[in-house]
N, C-alpha and C. Protein backbone atom coordinates (compact mmCIF):
# COMPACT_ATOMS: atom_id res chain seq x y z
N LYS A 1 0.87 -1.08 0.18
CA LYS A 1 0.06 -0.07 0.09
C LYS A 1 0.89 1.16 -0.09
N PRO A 2 0.68 2.19 -0.67
CA PRO A 2 1.50 3.39 -1.29
C PRO A 2 1.11 4.11 -0.10
N PHE A 3 2.16 5.02 0.51
CA PHE A 3 2.33 6.24 1.69
C PHE A 3 1.58 7.20 1.14
N ARG A 4 0.57 7.74 2.30
CA ARG A 4 -0.15 8.71 1.89
C ARG A 4 0.12 9.95 3.02
N LEU A 5 0.23 11.16 2.44
CA LEU A 5 0.51 12.11 3.33
C LEU A 5 -0.84 12.60 4.21
N ASP A 6 -2.13 12.47 3.61
CA ASP A 6 -3.30 12.90 4.17
C ASP A 6 -4.12 11.76 5.07
N GLY A 7 -3.52 10.76 4.83
CA GLY A 7 -3.90 9.35 5.62
C GLY A 7 -5.20 8.65 4.93
N GLU A 8 -5.58 9.48 3.96
CA GLU A 8 -6.69 8.86 2.81
C GLU A 8 -6.47 7.51 1.82
N GLY A 9 -6.99 6.70 1.64
CA GLY A 9 -6.59 5.92 0.90
C GLY A 9 -7.45 6.15 -0.65
N GLY A 10 -7.47 7.36 -0.70
CA GLY A 10 -7.98 7.35 -2.16
C GLY A 10 -7.44 6.83 -3.28
N GLY A 11 -8.30 7.15 -4.58
CA GLY A 11 -7.66 6.60 -5.92
C GLY A 11 -6.62 7.45 -6.48
N GLY A 12 -6.56 7.19 -7.90
CA GLY A 12 -5.25 8.02 -8.57
C GLY A 12 -5.85 9.45 -8.48
N GLY A 13 -4.88 10.43 -8.49
CA GLY A 13 -4.87 11.87 -8.53
C GLY A 13 -4.62 12.47 -7.30
N GLY A 14 -4.80 11.71 -6.25
CA GLY A 14 -4.57 12.52 -5.05
C GLY A 14 -3.18 12.15 -4.80
N GLY A 15 -2.80 13.62 -4.10
CA GLY A 15 -1.59 13.64 -3.79
C GLY A 15 -1.24 14.43 -2.22
N GLY A 16 -2.38 13.90 -1.54
CA GLY A 16 -1.91 14.46 -0.17
C GLY A 16 -2.58 15.90 0.22
N GLY A 17 -3.17 16.58 -0.81
CA GLY A 17 -3.38 17.73 -0.77
C GLY A 17 -2.42 18.91 -1.16
N PHE A 18 -1.56 18.35 -1.57
CA PHE A 18 -0.29 19.27 -2.12
C PHE A 18 -0.19 19.43 -3.44
N GLY A 19 -1.19 19.49 -4.22
CA GLY A 19 -1.25 19.68 -5.43
C GLY A 19 -0.62 18.81 -6.65
N LEU A 20 0.04 17.50 -6.02
CA LEU A 20 0.46 16.62 -6.77
C LEU A 20 -0.77 15.67 -7.47
N LYS A 21 -0.55 15.49 -8.55
CA LYS A 21 -1.39 14.91 -9.53
C LYS A 21 -0.55 13.44 -10.07
N ALA A 22 -0.90 12.33 -9.76
CA ALA A 22 -0.54 11.17 -10.21
C ALA A 22 -0.60 11.11 -11.54
N GLY A 23 0.74 10.61 -12.37
CA GLY A 23 0.66 10.58 -13.75
C GLY A 23 0.51 11.57 -14.69
N LYS A 24 0.49 12.73 -14.21
CA LYS A 24 0.38 14.21 -15.01
C LYS A 24 1.80 14.23 -15.58
N ARG A 25 1.78 14.58 -16.55
CA ARG A 25 3.10 15.07 -17.40
C ARG A 25 3.17 16.29 -17.77
N ARG A 26 4.49 16.95 -17.77
CA ARG A 26 4.68 18.30 -18.14
C ARG A 26 4.43 18.65 -19.52
N SER A 27 3.90 19.87 -19.75
CA SER A 27 3.03 20.16 -21.23
C SER A 27 4.47 20.68 -21.83
N GLY A 28 4.32 20.58 -23.27
CA GLY A 28 5.34 21.17 -24.16
C GLY A 28 6.35 22.45 -23.66
N LYS A 29 5.17 23.50 -23.11
CA LYS A 29 5.54 24.63 -22.80
C LYS A 29 6.43 24.74 -21.60
N ASN A 30 6.07 23.83 -20.49
CA ASN A 30 7.07 23.62 -19.45
C ASN A 30 8.37 23.15 -19.74
N ARG A 31 8.29 22.22 -20.77
CA ARG A 31 9.50 21.72 -21.24
C ARG A 31 10.40 22.74 -21.85
N ALA A 32 9.70 23.32 -22.69
CA ALA A 32 10.56 24.80 -23.43
C ALA A 32 11.22 25.56 -22.03
N ARG A 33 10.14 26.02 -21.13
CA ARG A 33 10.81 26.65 -20.16
C ARG A 33 11.78 26.30 -19.32
N LEU A 34 11.92 24.91 -19.11
CA LEU A 34 12.77 24.25 -18.30
C LEU A 34 14.13 24.04 -19.02
N SER A 35 14.24 23.92 -20.41
CA SER A 35 15.60 24.20 -21.29
C SER A 35 15.99 25.29 -21.17
N ARG A 36 15.30 26.57 -21.35
CA ARG A 36 15.75 28.13 -21.07
C ARG A 36 16.13 28.22 -19.87
N GLU A 37 16.02 27.49 -18.64
CA GLU A 37 16.23 27.83 -17.43
C GLU A 37 17.86 27.92 -17.21
N PRO A 38 18.46 26.88 -17.71
CA PRO A 38 19.90 26.87 -17.41
C PRO A 38 20.41 28.10 -17.94
N ARG A 39 20.31 28.24 -19.25
CA ARG A 39 21.06 29.32 -19.95
C ARG A 39 20.79 30.93 -19.10
N GLN A 40 19.51 31.03 -18.80
CA GLN A 40 19.11 32.33 -17.78
C GLN A 40 20.02 32.25 -16.52
N ARG A 41 20.00 31.03 -15.84
CA ARG A 41 20.85 31.02 -14.63
C ARG A 41 22.44 31.35 -15.03
N HIS A 42 22.56 30.72 -15.86
CA HIS A 42 24.27 30.79 -16.43
C HIS A 42 24.52 32.48 -16.90
N THR A 43 23.51 33.21 -17.25
CA THR A 43 23.59 34.50 -17.31
C THR A 43 23.40 34.99 -16.14
N ALA A 44 22.42 34.82 -15.57
CA ALA A 44 22.47 35.61 -13.95
C ALA A 44 23.67 35.33 -13.18
N ASN A 45 24.40 34.19 -13.25
CA ASN A 45 25.40 33.89 -12.33
C ASN A 45 26.50 34.52 -13.00
N ALA A 46 26.63 34.90 -14.17
CA ALA A 46 27.71 35.92 -14.63
C ALA A 46 27.51 37.16 -14.57
N ARG A 47 26.30 37.63 -14.55
CA ARG A 47 26.25 38.99 -13.91
C ARG A 47 26.39 39.33 -12.50
N GLU A 48 26.00 38.22 -11.61
CA GLU A 48 26.33 38.37 -10.22
C GLU A 48 27.89 38.52 -9.98
N ARG A 49 28.52 37.61 -10.88
CA ARG A 49 30.05 37.56 -10.48
C ARG A 49 30.76 38.85 -10.85
N ASP A 50 30.13 39.55 -12.01
CA ASP A 50 30.65 40.79 -12.51
C ASP A 50 30.38 41.89 -11.32
N ARG A 51 29.37 41.47 -10.73
CA ARG A 51 28.59 42.96 -9.57
C ARG A 51 29.66 42.58 -8.60
N THR A 52 29.89 41.21 -8.17
CA THR A 52 30.93 40.94 -7.11
C THR A 52 32.26 41.48 -7.22
N ASN A 53 32.85 41.47 -8.51
CA ASN A 53 34.07 41.75 -8.57
C ASN A 53 34.02 43.36 -8.58
N SER A 54 32.93 43.76 -8.89
CA SER A 54 33.13 45.35 -9.06
C SER A 54 32.84 45.75 -7.45
N VAL A 55 32.06 45.09 -6.64
CA VAL A 55 32.25 45.73 -5.53
C VAL A 55 33.51 45.53 -4.68
N ASN A 56 33.99 44.58 -5.20
CA ASN A 56 35.56 44.00 -4.36
C ASN A 56 36.57 44.88 -4.86
N THR A 57 36.58 45.32 -5.96
CA THR A 57 37.56 46.44 -6.74
C THR A 57 37.18 47.82 -6.17
N ALA A 58 35.99 48.05 -5.69
CA ALA A 58 35.65 49.32 -5.20
C ALA A 58 36.27 49.36 -3.59
N PHE A 59 35.83 48.20 -2.95
CA PHE A 59 36.62 48.05 -1.58
C PHE A 59 37.91 48.18 -1.62
N THR A 60 38.61 47.56 -2.59
CA THR A 60 40.31 47.68 -2.56
C THR A 60 40.93 49.10 -2.78
N ALA A 61 40.04 50.02 -3.95
CA ALA A 61 40.51 51.23 -3.81
C ALA A 61 39.99 52.29 -2.72
N LEU A 62 39.19 51.60 -2.00
CA LEU A 62 38.76 52.68 -0.71
C LEU A 62 39.70 52.09 0.47
N ARG A 63 40.08 50.87 0.57
CA ARG A 63 41.04 50.54 1.50
C ARG A 63 42.57 51.16 1.12
N THR A 64 42.81 51.51 -0.08
CA THR A 64 44.03 52.47 -0.38
C THR A 64 44.08 53.88 0.17
N LEU A 65 42.85 54.39 0.51
CA LEU A 65 42.49 55.70 1.01
C LEU A 65 42.52 55.97 2.17
N ILE A 66 42.47 54.95 3.07
CA ILE A 66 42.23 54.96 4.56
C ILE A 66 43.49 54.56 5.43
N PRO A 67 44.15 55.59 6.01
CA PRO A 67 45.33 55.39 6.78
C PRO A 67 44.75 54.32 7.96
N THR A 68 45.99 53.05 8.07
CA THR A 68 45.66 52.18 8.76
C THR A 68 46.91 51.96 9.75
N GLU A 69 46.95 51.15 10.73
CA GLU A 69 47.97 50.96 11.40
C GLU A 69 48.15 49.71 11.84
N PRO A 70 49.04 48.35 11.08
CA PRO A 70 50.13 48.94 10.25
C PRO A 70 49.35 49.27 8.88
N ALA A 71 50.51 50.00 8.11
CA ALA A 71 49.87 50.45 6.60
C ALA A 71 49.55 49.37 5.76
N ASP A 72 49.86 47.97 6.04
CA ASP A 72 49.98 47.09 4.88
C ASP A 72 48.46 45.91 5.60
N ARG A 73 47.96 46.50 6.62
CA ARG A 73 47.03 45.28 7.44
C ARG A 73 45.89 45.68 6.31
N LYS A 74 45.29 44.39 5.82
CA LYS A 74 44.34 44.44 5.39
C LYS A 74 42.93 44.43 5.99
N LEU A 75 41.87 45.41 5.89
CA LEU A 75 40.91 45.83 6.59
C LEU A 75 39.58 44.60 5.95
N SER A 76 38.82 44.09 6.58
CA SER A 76 37.63 43.44 6.28
C SER A 76 36.49 44.57 5.56
N LYS A 77 35.76 43.99 5.17
CA LYS A 77 34.84 45.09 4.39
C LYS A 77 33.96 45.94 5.52
N ILE A 78 33.35 45.59 6.59
CA ILE A 78 32.73 46.41 7.71
C ILE A 78 33.81 47.11 8.10
N GLU A 79 34.94 46.76 8.67
CA GLU A 79 36.20 47.76 8.99
C GLU A 79 36.61 48.80 7.95
N THR A 80 36.15 48.50 6.69
CA THR A 80 36.78 49.44 5.72
C THR A 80 35.51 50.56 5.99
N LEU A 81 34.35 50.16 5.87
CA LEU A 81 33.24 50.99 5.75
C LEU A 81 32.93 52.09 6.72
N ARG A 82 33.22 51.27 8.19
CA ARG A 82 33.36 52.00 9.47
C ARG A 82 34.35 52.93 9.48
N LEU A 83 35.65 52.58 9.16
CA LEU A 83 36.72 53.47 9.20
C LEU A 83 36.61 54.55 8.32
N ALA A 84 36.09 54.26 7.36
CA ALA A 84 36.07 55.36 6.00
C ALA A 84 35.15 56.46 6.78
N SER A 85 34.00 55.97 6.99
CA SER A 85 32.78 56.47 7.56
C SER A 85 33.51 57.50 8.77
N SER A 86 34.46 57.06 9.50
CA SER A 86 35.04 57.95 10.73
C SER A 86 36.03 58.74 10.27
N TYR A 87 36.75 58.54 9.05
CA TYR A 87 37.60 59.39 8.60
C TYR A 87 37.11 60.49 7.80
N ILE A 88 36.01 60.17 7.11
CA ILE A 88 35.41 61.24 6.43
C ILE A 88 34.95 62.13 7.51
N SER A 89 34.37 61.72 8.46
CA SER A 89 34.05 62.85 9.74
C SER A 89 35.07 63.44 10.25
N HIS A 90 36.20 62.65 10.44
CA HIS A 90 37.44 63.58 10.95
C HIS A 90 37.97 64.59 9.92
N LEU A 91 37.97 64.41 8.77
CA LEU A 91 38.46 65.42 7.67
C LEU A 91 37.43 66.40 7.74
N GLY A 92 36.19 66.27 7.89
CA GLY A 92 34.99 67.18 7.82
C GLY A 92 35.18 68.20 9.03
N ASN A 93 35.48 67.45 10.40
CA ASN A 93 36.01 68.48 11.25
C ASN A 93 37.21 69.09 11.09
N VAL A 94 38.41 68.61 10.45
CA VAL A 94 39.47 69.50 10.22
C VAL A 94 38.96 70.74 9.35
N LEU A 95 38.28 70.30 8.35
CA LEU A 95 37.95 71.63 7.43
C LEU A 95 37.18 72.73 8.42
N LEU A 96 36.34 72.15 9.31
CA LEU A 96 35.36 73.19 9.98
C LEU A 96 36.40 73.88 11.16
N LEU A 97 36.92 73.31 11.62
CA LEU A 97 37.74 73.66 12.80
C LEU A 97 39.20 74.16 12.53
N GLY A 98 39.77 73.86 11.26
CA GLY A 98 40.88 74.13 10.72
C GLY A 98 42.36 73.43 11.29
């Protein structure tokens, strides 16, 4: 006897109330959509890699502008953002107060 999630012993077509239909095949439209998804996923992954590389390049450039001790210490992204914000505030105060 097959396992039923809803505990009912009904006939074909029941799927435990989860929208599953026994023996239902995918239509041609769904097959075309499924064959297109890997290409779209590949393109989306490439865009995400480019975006990530762009963000990392910007962080690298920002790190070169923030004074650190020791000078060759690599800051994390959050450290870079916090120190950049602090440094900008400090420079603003230097301009205001002289």
